[in-house]
């Protein structure tokens, strides 16, 4: 309990803003996520001090601490955690706290193990927005939230950013009926988020990007084709992003998809030969950590999107 409360306090102290339960858990367990690196939360004193517990155990501990009133969870602020006066008193006096020991299901063998919601890396802010939307829809229908979509489905949405019916239908847990009933609302929320925030790329995507089979031209959607048309008309990534109301990272993703589908384009204005050399050198040095580790080596010199373009070019040959 002391570790958890201290982590909530240190993160607020370091950044001057609160974070959600999942982020606190990731800091405690020493995860290397986009947000942790972006906000320098790997530099706080509580980073990695909770490796004796699993993510699931820390999440159970966090929920128990909230239930006992040592923290509050503000749903209207993306489930941000804040210490209460009671929690601050416990932290300062180092008073012991009695918690219910969480019951954790035994691990399944590797071949039978599926992805649990908390194990899926995703855009946590978008995930919180989608959960809030799910609650609104569920309340309007007077049904439990999980009837609309599971947390797994929402986390995959917050990782894949589906904005077309084809993409949304490919999300686990989305059937034809749910696509028809809820697709427009959830895709609109994702599109709005992408207008305000860059699309995130996750460390464990590097192997997926390297090994995924090329797409067929028929799988290019209309939004990717429009991005490609504007590039061929002489516009750069930033100009296309402004014109289309997307983040630049989304435009990079469109172009990478088009390259993998076999479309020809001039990428010299996106990734120069010198930048290609830098990316190639970084890739040769990374054995673990995925795309995030490559970006960390390159720093601000190279965008995530440029790395994806480089990988797409080399996959397409």
Protein backbone atom coordinates (compact mmCIF):
# COMPACT_ATOMS: atom_id res chain seq x y z
CA UNK A 1 0.00 0.00 0.00
CA UNK A 2 2.87 2.37 0.85
CA UNK A 3 4.49 1.70 -2.52
CA UNK A 4 1.24 2.30 -4.41
CA UNK A 5 0.35 5.52 -2.55
CA UNK A 6 3.92 6.77 -2.86
CA UNK A 7 3.86 6.14 -6.62
CA UNK A 8 0.62 8.11 -7.05
CA UNK A 9 2.16 10.96 -5.02
CA UNK A 10 5.52 10.95 -6.87
CA UNK A 11 3.90 10.93 -10.31
CA UNK A 12 1.71 13.90 -9.40
CA UNK A 13 4.75 15.68 -7.94
CA UNK A 14 6.90 14.98 -11.02
CA UNK A 15 4.38 15.98 -13.69
CA UNK A 16 1.88 18.27 -11.95
CA UNK A 17 -0.97 16.13 -13.27
CA UNK A 18 -2.61 12.87 -12.21
CA UNK A 19 -2.57 9.55 -14.07
CA UNK A 20 -4.80 6.47 -14.22
CA UNK A 21 -4.56 3.14 -12.42
CA UNK A 22 -2.95 1.32 -15.36
CA UNK A 23 -0.20 3.92 -15.66
CA UNK A 24 0.59 3.70 -11.93
CA UNK A 25 0.81 -0.09 -12.29
CA UNK A 26 3.12 0.22 -15.31
CA UNK A 27 5.46 2.53 -13.39
CA UNK A 28 5.49 0.24 -10.34
CA UNK A 29 6.32 -2.80 -12.48
CA UNK A 30 9.01 -0.98 -14.48
CA UNK A 31 7.24 -1.07 -17.85
CA UNK A 32 8.70 0.80 -20.85
CA UNK A 33 5.67 2.42 -22.47
CA UNK A 34 5.33 5.40 -24.75
CA UNK A 35 3.81 7.55 -21.99
CA UNK A 36 6.39 6.57 -19.36
CA UNK A 37 9.22 7.62 -21.68
CA UNK A 38 7.44 10.74 -22.90
CA UNK A 39 6.74 12.00 -19.37
CA UNK A 40 10.10 10.76 -17.94
CA UNK A 41 8.25 8.62 -15.41
CA UNK A 42 11.08 6.10 -15.59
CA UNK A 43 13.09 8.70 -13.64
CA UNK A 44 10.78 8.87 -10.58
CA UNK A 45 11.96 7.09 -7.43
CA UNK A 46 9.03 4.63 -7.49
CA UNK A 47 9.77 3.34 -11.01
CA UNK A 48 10.15 -0.44 -10.91
CA UNK A 49 9.84 -0.79 -7.11
CA UNK A 50 6.88 -3.17 -7.39
CA UNK A 51 8.30 -5.99 -9.49
CA UNK A 52 7.49 -8.51 -6.76
CA UNK A 53 3.84 -8.35 -7.90
CA UNK A 54 2.29 -8.90 -11.33
CA UNK A 55 0.28 -6.24 -13.14
CA UNK A 56 -2.94 -8.06 -12.24
CA UNK A 57 -1.97 -8.12 -8.56
CA UNK A 58 -1.12 -4.41 -8.54
CA UNK A 59 -4.41 -3.59 -10.26
CA UNK A 60 -6.27 -5.54 -7.56
CA UNK A 61 -4.26 -3.74 -4.86
CA UNK A 62 -5.05 -0.38 -6.49
CA UNK A 63 -8.78 -1.11 -6.64
CA UNK A 64 -8.74 -2.14 -2.97
CA UNK A 65 -6.95 1.10 -2.01
CA UNK A 66 -9.59 3.08 -3.90
CA UNK A 67 -12.39 1.10 -2.21
CA UNK A 68 -10.90 1.84 1.23
CA UNK A 69 -10.86 5.57 0.46
CA UNK A 70 -7.09 6.17 0.32
CA UNK A 71 -7.38 7.27 -3.33
CA UNK A 72 -10.17 8.59 -5.50
CA UNK A 73 -10.71 7.76 -9.17
CA UNK A 74 -12.24 10.62 -11.15
CA UNK A 75 -14.11 9.05 -14.09
CA UNK A 76 -14.73 12.41 -15.75
CA UNK A 77 -10.94 12.95 -15.92
CA UNK A 78 -9.99 9.71 -17.71
CA UNK A 79 -10.05 7.76 -14.40
CA UNK A 80 -7.24 9.85 -12.90
CA UNK A 81 -6.11 8.76 -9.40
CA UNK A 82 -5.72 11.30 -6.62
CA UNK A 83 -4.60 10.78 -3.02
CA UNK A 84 -7.27 11.60 -0.43
CA UNK A 85 -6.46 13.27 2.91
CA UNK A 86 -6.79 9.80 4.45
CA UNK A 87 -4.28 8.38 1.95
CA UNK A 88 -1.84 11.24 2.50
CA UNK A 89 -2.00 10.69 6.25
CA UNK A 90 -1.19 6.98 5.79
CA UNK A 91 1.71 7.85 3.49
CA UNK A 92 3.23 10.48 5.76
CA UNK A 93 2.86 8.45 8.99
CA UNK A 94 3.83 5.20 7.19
CA UNK A 95 0.84 3.56 8.85
CA UNK A 96 0.29 -0.08 7.87
CA UNK A 97 -2.80 -0.78 5.78
CA UNK A 98 -4.67 -4.07 5.84
CA UNK A 99 -5.63 -5.20 2.34
CA UNK A 100 -7.52 -8.21 1.06
CA UNK A 101 -5.06 -10.55 -0.63
CA UNK A 102 -6.03 -10.70 -4.34
CA UNK A 103 -6.92 -14.11 -5.75
CA UNK A 104 -5.03 -14.53 -9.01
CA UNK A 105 -5.97 -17.33 -11.39
CA UNK A 106 -3.09 -19.73 -12.17
CA UNK A 107 -1.21 -19.09 -15.40
CA UNK A 108 -2.25 -21.22 -18.35
CA UNK A 109 0.39 -23.02 -20.43
CA UNK A 110 1.88 -20.80 -23.14
CA UNK A 111 -0.06 -22.56 -25.90
CA UNK A 112 -3.39 -21.97 -24.18
CA UNK A 113 -2.74 -18.48 -22.91
CA UNK A 114 -4.80 -15.64 -24.39
CA UNK A 115 -4.29 -11.92 -24.08
CA UNK A 116 -5.89 -10.40 -20.98
CA UNK A 117 -7.11 -6.83 -21.19
CA UNK A 118 -4.33 -5.37 -19.05
CA UNK A 119 -1.64 -7.11 -21.14
CA UNK A 120 -2.60 -5.32 -24.36
CA UNK A 121 -0.50 -2.17 -24.83
CA UNK A 122 -2.70 0.65 -26.07
CA UNK A 123 -3.33 4.39 -26.05
CA UNK A 124 -4.49 4.66 -22.42
CA UNK A 125 -6.14 8.06 -22.89
CA UNK A 126 -8.18 6.80 -25.84
CA UNK A 127 -9.03 3.63 -23.87
CA UNK A 128 -10.43 5.80 -21.05
CA UNK A 129 -12.53 7.77 -23.55
CA UNK A 130 -13.90 4.59 -25.11
CA UNK A 131 -14.75 3.19 -21.67
CA UNK A 132 -16.64 6.41 -20.83
CA UNK A 133 -18.53 6.15 -24.13
CA UNK A 134 -19.30 2.49 -23.43
CA UNK A 135 -20.74 3.47 -20.03
CA UNK A 136 -22.97 6.11 -21.65
CA UNK A 137 -24.27 3.61 -24.20
CA UNK A 138 -24.78 0.91 -21.54
CA UNK A 139 -26.62 3.30 -19.20
CA UNK A 140 -28.90 4.43 -22.03
CA UNK A 141 -29.81 0.79 -22.71
CA UNK A 142 -29.87 -0.17 -19.02
CA UNK A 143 -27.46 -3.08 -19.55
CA UNK A 144 -24.04 -3.94 -18.03
CA UNK A 145 -21.11 -2.26 -19.80
CA UNK A 146 -19.54 -5.56 -20.87
CA UNK A 147 -22.63 -6.30 -22.98
CA UNK A 148 -21.62 -3.43 -25.29
CA UNK A 149 -17.89 -4.29 -25.63
CA UNK A 150 -15.37 -6.06 -23.40
CA UNK A 151 -12.28 -4.27 -22.08
CA UNK A 152 -10.22 -6.44 -24.44
CA UNK A 153 -12.15 -5.09 -27.45
CA UNK A 154 -11.75 -1.50 -26.25
CA UNK A 155 -8.01 -1.90 -25.69
CA UNK A 156 -7.57 -3.35 -29.18
CA UNK A 157 -9.53 -0.36 -30.57
CA UNK A 158 -7.22 1.96 -28.62
CA UNK A 159 -4.23 0.16 -30.16
CA UNK A 160 -5.40 -0.24 -33.77
CA UNK A 161 -7.38 3.03 -34.13
CA UNK A 162 -10.08 1.63 -36.49
CA UNK A 163 -11.80 4.47 -38.39
CA UNK A 164 -13.46 2.56 -41.24
CA UNK A 165 -16.12 -0.16 -41.12
CA UNK A 166 -13.66 -2.72 -42.50
CA UNK A 167 -11.11 -1.91 -39.78
CA UNK A 168 -13.72 -1.80 -37.02
CA UNK A 169 -15.22 -5.14 -38.08
CA UNK A 170 -11.77 -6.69 -37.68
CA UNK A 171 -11.63 -5.91 -33.94
CA UNK A 172 -12.05 -8.90 -31.61
CA UNK A 173 -15.59 -8.96 -30.21
CA UNK A 174 -17.15 -6.83 -32.98
CA UNK A 175 -19.75 -8.74 -34.95
CA UNK A 176 -22.09 -7.50 -37.67
CA UNK A 177 -24.78 -6.51 -35.13
CA UNK A 178 -22.41 -4.53 -32.91
CA UNK A 179 -20.84 -2.88 -35.95
CA UNK A 180 -24.28 -1.71 -37.06
CA UNK A 181 -25.42 -0.60 -33.58
CA UNK A 182 -22.29 0.98 -32.13
CA UNK A 183 -19.73 1.33 -34.92
CA UNK A 184 -20.44 4.95 -35.89
CA UNK A 185 -20.28 6.24 -32.29
CA UNK A 186 -17.03 4.51 -31.43
CA UNK A 187 -15.32 5.28 -34.76
CA UNK A 188 -16.31 8.95 -34.36
CA UNK A 189 -14.71 9.00 -30.89
CA UNK A 190 -11.51 7.47 -32.31
CA UNK A 191 -11.41 9.96 -35.20
CA UNK A 192 -11.89 12.88 -32.80
CA UNK A 193 -9.06 11.60 -30.61
CA UNK A 194 -6.74 11.33 -33.64
CA UNK A 195 -7.48 14.96 -34.56
CA UNK A 196 -6.23 16.04 -31.13
CA UNK A 197 -3.45 13.50 -30.42
CA UNK A 198 -0.78 11.68 -32.44
CA UNK A 199 -1.28 8.00 -33.13
CA UNK A 200 0.93 5.98 -30.77
CA UNK A 201 3.27 3.19 -31.85
CA UNK A 202 3.98 0.48 -29.28
CA UNK A 203 7.27 -1.23 -28.55
CA UNK A 204 5.94 -4.73 -29.23
CA UNK A 205 4.81 -3.76 -32.73
CA UNK A 206 8.30 -3.94 -34.26
CA UNK A 207 8.21 -7.70 -34.84
CA UNK A 208 4.64 -7.42 -36.16
CA UNK A 209 5.74 -4.71 -38.61
CA UNK A 210 8.72 -6.77 -39.77
CA UNK A 211 6.87 -10.07 -40.19
CA UNK A 212 3.37 -9.07 -41.31
CA UNK A 213 2.53 -10.25 -44.85
CA UNK A 214 2.11 -7.53 -47.50
CA UNK A 215 -1.44 -6.28 -48.01
CA UNK A 216 -3.16 -6.65 -51.36
CA UNK A 217 -4.08 -3.50 -53.23
CA UNK A 218 -7.77 -4.30 -52.79
CA UNK A 219 -7.36 -3.81 -49.02
CA UNK A 220 -6.38 -0.15 -49.32
CA UNK A 221 -9.25 1.84 -47.85
CA UNK A 222 -10.53 5.18 -49.10
CA UNK A 223 -8.77 7.26 -46.44
CA UNK A 224 -5.38 5.68 -47.30
CA UNK A 225 -5.99 6.26 -51.01
CA UNK A 226 -6.78 9.93 -50.36
CA UNK A 227 -3.53 10.37 -48.39
CA UNK A 228 -1.63 8.70 -51.24
CA UNK A 229 -3.30 10.97 -53.81
CA UNK A 230 -2.25 14.09 -51.90
CA UNK A 231 1.35 12.85 -51.57
CA UNK A 232 1.51 12.20 -55.32
CA UNK A 233 0.14 15.71 -55.84
CA UNK A 234 3.32 17.05 -54.22
CA UNK A 235 2.23 17.65 -50.63
CA UNK A 236 4.37 16.61 -47.67
CA UNK A 237 3.24 14.72 -44.56
CA UNK A 238 2.61 17.85 -42.46
CA UNK A 239 0.57 19.51 -45.23
CA UNK A 240 -1.54 16.37 -45.72
CA UNK A 241 -2.12 16.05 -41.98
CA UNK A 242 -3.33 19.67 -41.74
CA UNK A 243 -5.56 19.36 -44.80
CA UNK A 244 -7.13 16.08 -43.65
CA UNK A 245 -7.40 16.95 -39.96
CA UNK A 246 -5.25 14.00 -38.84
CA UNK A 247 -2.09 13.72 -36.78
CA UNK A 248 1.09 13.32 -38.84
CA UNK A 249 1.58 9.86 -37.31
CA UNK A 250 -1.71 8.73 -38.89
CA UNK A 251 -0.55 9.95 -42.31
CA UNK A 252 2.72 7.99 -41.90
CA UNK A 253 0.63 4.88 -41.12
CA UNK A 254 -1.47 5.39 -44.28
CA UNK A 255 1.65 5.66 -46.40
CA UNK A 256 3.29 2.61 -44.80
CA UNK A 257 0.13 0.59 -45.53
CA UNK A 258 0.18 1.75 -49.15
CA UNK A 259 3.85 0.78 -49.57
CA UNK A 260 3.18 -2.67 -48.11
CA UNK A 261 0.26 -3.04 -50.54
CA UNK A 262 2.65 -2.51 -53.46
CA UNK A 263 1.89 1.13 -54.27
CA UNK A 264 4.78 3.10 -55.76
CA UNK A 265 5.60 6.54 -54.41
CA UNK A 266 8.51 8.92 -54.00
CA UNK A 267 9.57 8.68 -50.34
CA UNK A 268 12.78 10.71 -50.64
CA UNK A 269 11.03 13.69 -49.03
CA UNK A 270 9.86 11.50 -46.13
CA UNK A 271 12.99 9.49 -45.31
CA UNK A 272 16.29 10.77 -46.69
CA UNK A 273 19.26 8.46 -47.34
CA UNK A 274 21.01 9.80 -44.26
CA UNK A 275 17.90 9.12 -42.14
CA UNK A 276 17.68 5.61 -43.62
CA UNK A 277 21.28 5.01 -42.58
CA UNK A 278 20.54 6.16 -39.02
CA UNK A 279 17.47 3.91 -38.78
CA UNK A 280 19.37 0.92 -40.18
CA UNK A 281 22.17 1.43 -37.63
CA UNK A 282 19.67 1.66 -34.75
CA UNK A 283 17.81 -1.46 -35.90
CA UNK A 284 21.05 -3.42 -36.01
CA UNK A 285 21.74 -2.53 -32.36
CA UNK A 286 18.30 -3.44 -30.98
CA UNK A 287 17.67 -7.03 -29.94
CA UNK A 288 14.91 -6.42 -27.38
CA UNK A 289 12.49 -3.57 -26.73
CA UNK A 290 11.00 -3.27 -30.22
CA UNK A 291 10.19 -0.03 -31.98
CA UNK A 292 10.31 1.97 -28.74
CA UNK A 293 13.95 0.96 -28.19
CA UNK A 294 14.82 1.93 -31.78
CA UNK A 295 13.19 5.35 -31.32
CA UNK A 296 14.98 5.84 -28.01
CA UNK A 297 18.34 5.31 -29.75
CA UNK A 298 17.45 7.78 -32.49
CA UNK A 299 15.99 10.45 -30.20
CA UNK A 300 14.36 13.48 -31.79
CA UNK A 301 16.25 13.12 -35.07
CA UNK A 302 13.78 10.58 -36.47
CA UNK A 303 9.98 10.33 -36.16
CA UNK A 304 8.23 7.04 -35.38
CA UNK A 305 6.46 7.36 -38.73
CA UNK A 306 9.77 7.51 -40.61
CA UNK A 307 10.83 4.23 -38.98
CA UNK A 308 7.57 2.64 -40.12
CA UNK A 309 8.09 3.93 -43.66
CA UNK A 310 11.64 2.50 -43.65
CA UNK A 311 10.38 -0.90 -42.47
CA UNK A 312 7.58 -0.90 -45.06
CA UNK A 313 10.02 -0.07 -47.87
CA UNK A 314 12.37 -2.89 -46.88
CA UNK A 315 9.53 -5.39 -46.44
CA UNK A 316 8.21 -4.53 -49.89
CA UNK A 317 11.71 -4.96 -51.31
